[in-house]
Amino acid sequence: MNKAKELQVGDSFGGPSKTLTDAHFLLFSGVTGDVHPIHYDVEYAKQSHFGKPLAHGLLLASLTALGASSMRESMDGFIFVEQGCRFLKPALVGDTIRPVFVLEKLWNEEHRRFARFKTKLLNQRDETLLEGFHVYRVMPHKRDENKQDENKQDENKQNEKEKS
């Protein structure tokens, strides 16, 4: 059965909380090459408006991965096709953040099925740091496609019999 058929608009899911450390920021800097000192230089950050190293925006966006949420077991056939977000508040070293997802919309475009989720990152004070969206194309399982093909073949045979 196609998992998107089981989902209902308004369904919400959570993800694990994570306390951000210097190690997260350094690892992300190493992977991306974004070595701006606001992300890892404590002395530099002390002189900034924020007072502490800031999380990379793309690190925060990556923490809204639906595959890390409680929905991960229900997303077979989901292919990530689009995302967007706005950063509302900074995330600093020591902040504990957690993602929240809400299914906003399910729709079809011709023979393609899509799901749109609202995404949010909250900190330990339940302040919204990021809000955004993800769009997934929902692919049918092979067994569902095979069953549809069998049904179509049966329907064609029935139509041929009726014509004879």
Protein backbone atom coordinates (compact mmCIF):
# COMPACT_ATOMS: atom_id res chain seq x y z
CA MET A 1 0.00 0.00 0.00
CA ASN A 2 1.24 3.49 -0.79
CA LYS A 3 2.15 5.14 2.53
CA ALA A 4 0.94 8.60 1.44
CA LYS A 5 -2.58 7.15 1.24
CA GLU A 6 -2.35 6.35 4.95
CA LEU A 7 -1.25 9.88 5.87
CA GLN A 8 -3.77 12.59 6.61
CA VAL A 9 -3.35 16.32 6.18
CA GLY A 10 -2.66 17.70 9.66
CA ASP A 11 -0.65 14.67 10.83
CA SER A 12 2.37 15.83 12.84
CA PHE A 13 5.66 14.15 13.63
CA GLY A 14 8.62 14.97 15.80
CA GLY A 15 12.29 14.30 15.57
CA PRO A 16 14.98 13.75 18.16
CA SER A 17 16.27 16.73 20.10
CA LYS A 18 19.93 17.59 19.80
CA THR A 19 22.09 19.85 21.95
CA LEU A 20 24.39 21.76 19.63
CA THR A 21 28.10 21.64 20.42
CA ASP A 22 31.31 23.03 18.95
CA ALA A 23 31.85 19.61 17.40
CA HIS A 24 28.66 19.94 15.28
CA PHE A 25 29.80 23.33 14.00
CA LEU A 26 33.36 22.16 13.26
CA LEU A 27 32.20 19.01 11.50
CA PHE A 28 29.78 20.99 9.35
CA SER A 29 32.53 23.54 8.54
CA GLY A 30 34.80 20.69 7.48
CA VAL A 31 32.16 19.09 5.27
CA THR A 32 31.00 22.31 3.59
CA GLY A 33 34.10 24.48 3.65
CA ASP A 34 32.15 27.29 5.34
CA VAL A 35 34.82 28.46 7.76
CA HIS A 36 33.46 31.86 8.72
CA PRO A 37 34.71 32.54 12.27
CA ILE A 38 31.18 33.28 13.57
CA HIS A 39 30.64 29.51 13.54
CA TYR A 40 33.69 28.35 15.50
CA ASP A 41 35.84 31.21 16.88
CA VAL A 42 34.66 31.91 20.43
CA GLU A 43 36.59 35.20 20.70
CA TYR A 44 35.27 36.43 17.37
CA ALA A 45 31.72 35.43 18.33
CA LYS A 46 32.01 37.24 21.71
CA GLN A 47 32.42 40.47 19.75
CA SER A 48 29.32 39.80 17.65
CA HIS A 49 25.72 40.64 18.40
CA PHE A 50 25.17 37.00 19.42
CA GLY A 51 28.02 36.55 21.91
CA LYS A 52 28.56 32.87 21.07
CA PRO A 53 29.28 30.87 17.93
CA LEU A 54 26.26 30.59 15.65
CA ALA A 55 25.02 27.44 13.96
CA HIS A 56 25.34 27.40 10.18
CA GLY A 57 21.96 28.03 8.57
CA LEU A 58 22.32 24.99 6.33
CA LEU A 59 23.19 22.84 9.35
CA LEU A 60 19.88 23.88 10.90
CA ALA A 61 17.99 23.23 7.66
CA SER A 62 19.55 19.74 7.51
CA LEU A 63 18.22 18.99 10.98
CA THR A 64 14.71 19.06 9.52
CA ALA A 65 15.39 15.80 7.65
CA LEU A 66 12.13 13.86 7.61
CA GLY A 67 14.10 10.62 7.58
CA ALA A 68 15.31 11.40 11.11
CA SER A 69 11.75 11.89 12.38
CA SER A 70 9.31 9.43 13.89
CA MET A 71 7.82 9.14 10.38
CA ARG A 72 10.93 7.43 8.96
CA GLU A 73 9.24 4.01 8.93
CA SER A 74 6.34 5.37 6.84
CA MET A 75 8.20 7.16 4.10
CA ASP A 76 9.02 4.37 1.66
CA GLY A 77 8.76 5.84 -1.81
CA PHE A 78 9.21 9.46 -0.68
CA ILE A 79 11.68 11.33 -2.87
CA PHE A 80 12.81 14.76 -1.68
CA VAL A 81 12.23 17.32 -4.46
CA GLU A 82 12.07 20.78 -2.89
CA GLN A 83 12.61 22.72 0.31
CA GLY A 84 12.58 26.24 1.61
CA CYS A 85 12.94 27.91 4.98
CA ARG A 86 13.25 31.15 6.91
CA PHE A 87 15.57 31.64 9.86
CA LEU A 88 13.74 33.48 12.64
CA LYS A 89 16.20 33.26 15.54
CA PRO A 90 19.80 32.12 15.83
CA ALA A 91 20.89 28.78 17.24
CA LEU A 92 23.96 28.95 19.45
CA VAL A 93 26.36 26.47 21.01
CA GLY A 94 24.50 24.85 23.91
CA ASP A 95 21.01 25.26 22.45
CA THR A 96 18.87 22.12 22.39
CA ILE A 97 16.77 21.97 19.25
CA ARG A 98 14.08 19.65 17.98
CA PRO A 99 12.28 19.44 14.66
CA VAL A 100 8.51 19.33 14.15
CA PHE A 101 6.77 18.33 10.92
CA VAL A 102 3.12 18.75 9.88
CA LEU A 103 1.66 17.31 6.69
CA GLU A 104 0.14 20.34 4.98
CA LYS A 105 -0.98 18.99 1.64
CA LEU A 106 -1.29 15.84 -0.48
CA TRP A 107 -2.00 16.23 -4.18
CA ASN A 108 -1.67 14.70 -7.62
CA GLU A 109 -0.26 16.23 -10.78
CA GLU A 110 -1.29 13.97 -13.64
CA HIS A 111 -0.02 10.53 -12.55
CA ARG A 112 2.39 11.91 -9.93
CA ARG A 113 1.63 12.14 -6.20
CA PHE A 114 3.18 14.75 -3.89
CA ALA A 115 3.27 15.54 -0.18
CA ARG A 116 4.18 18.89 1.38
CA PHE A 117 5.29 19.14 5.00
CA LYS A 118 5.60 22.25 7.12
CA THR A 119 8.90 22.14 9.04
CA LYS A 120 9.95 23.86 12.23
CA LEU A 121 12.94 23.85 14.55
CA LEU A 122 12.25 24.73 18.17
CA ASN A 123 14.79 25.44 20.89
CA GLN A 124 14.73 24.49 24.56
CA ARG A 125 12.49 27.51 25.28
CA ASP A 126 10.01 26.39 22.54
CA GLU A 127 11.02 29.40 20.44
CA THR A 128 10.79 28.85 16.69
CA LEU A 129 14.25 29.17 15.15
CA LEU A 130 13.36 28.04 11.63
CA GLU A 131 10.17 27.52 9.72
CA GLY A 132 9.93 26.09 6.27
CA PHE A 133 8.63 23.33 4.05
CA HIS A 134 9.64 20.13 2.27
CA VAL A 135 8.00 18.66 -0.82
CA TYR A 136 8.29 14.96 -1.63
CA ARG A 137 7.24 13.04 -4.67
CA VAL A 138 5.53 9.87 -3.49
CA MET A 139 6.42 6.93 -5.70
CA PRO A 140 4.23 3.83 -5.70
CA HIS A 141 5.81 0.63 -4.47
CA LYS A 142 6.69 -1.90 -7.16
CA ARG A 143 4.13 -4.32 -5.74
CA ASP A 144 1.45 -1.60 -6.03
CA GLU A 145 2.48 -0.88 -9.63
CA ASN A 146 2.41 -4.60 -10.43
CA LYS A 147 -1.07 -4.92 -8.91
CA GLN A 148 -2.25 -1.89 -10.92
CA ASP A 149 -0.81 -3.45 -14.09
CA GLU A 150 -2.59 -6.74 -13.33
CA ASN A 151 -5.87 -4.89 -12.72
CA LYS A 152 -5.44 -2.97 -15.99
CA GLN A 153 -4.74 -6.20 -17.88
CA ASP A 154 -7.81 -7.84 -16.34
CA GLU A 155 -9.88 -4.80 -17.29
CA ASN A 156 -8.59 -4.90 -20.88
CA LYS A 157 -9.38 -8.64 -21.16
CA GLN A 158 -12.88 -7.99 -19.85
CA ASN A 159 -13.40 -5.20 -22.40
CA GLU A 160 -12.17 -7.48 -25.20
CA LYS A 161 -14.62 -10.23 -24.11
CA GLU A 162 -17.49 -7.74 -24.07
CA LYS A 163 -16.61 -6.60 -27.61
CA SER A 164 -16.66 -10.20 -28.91
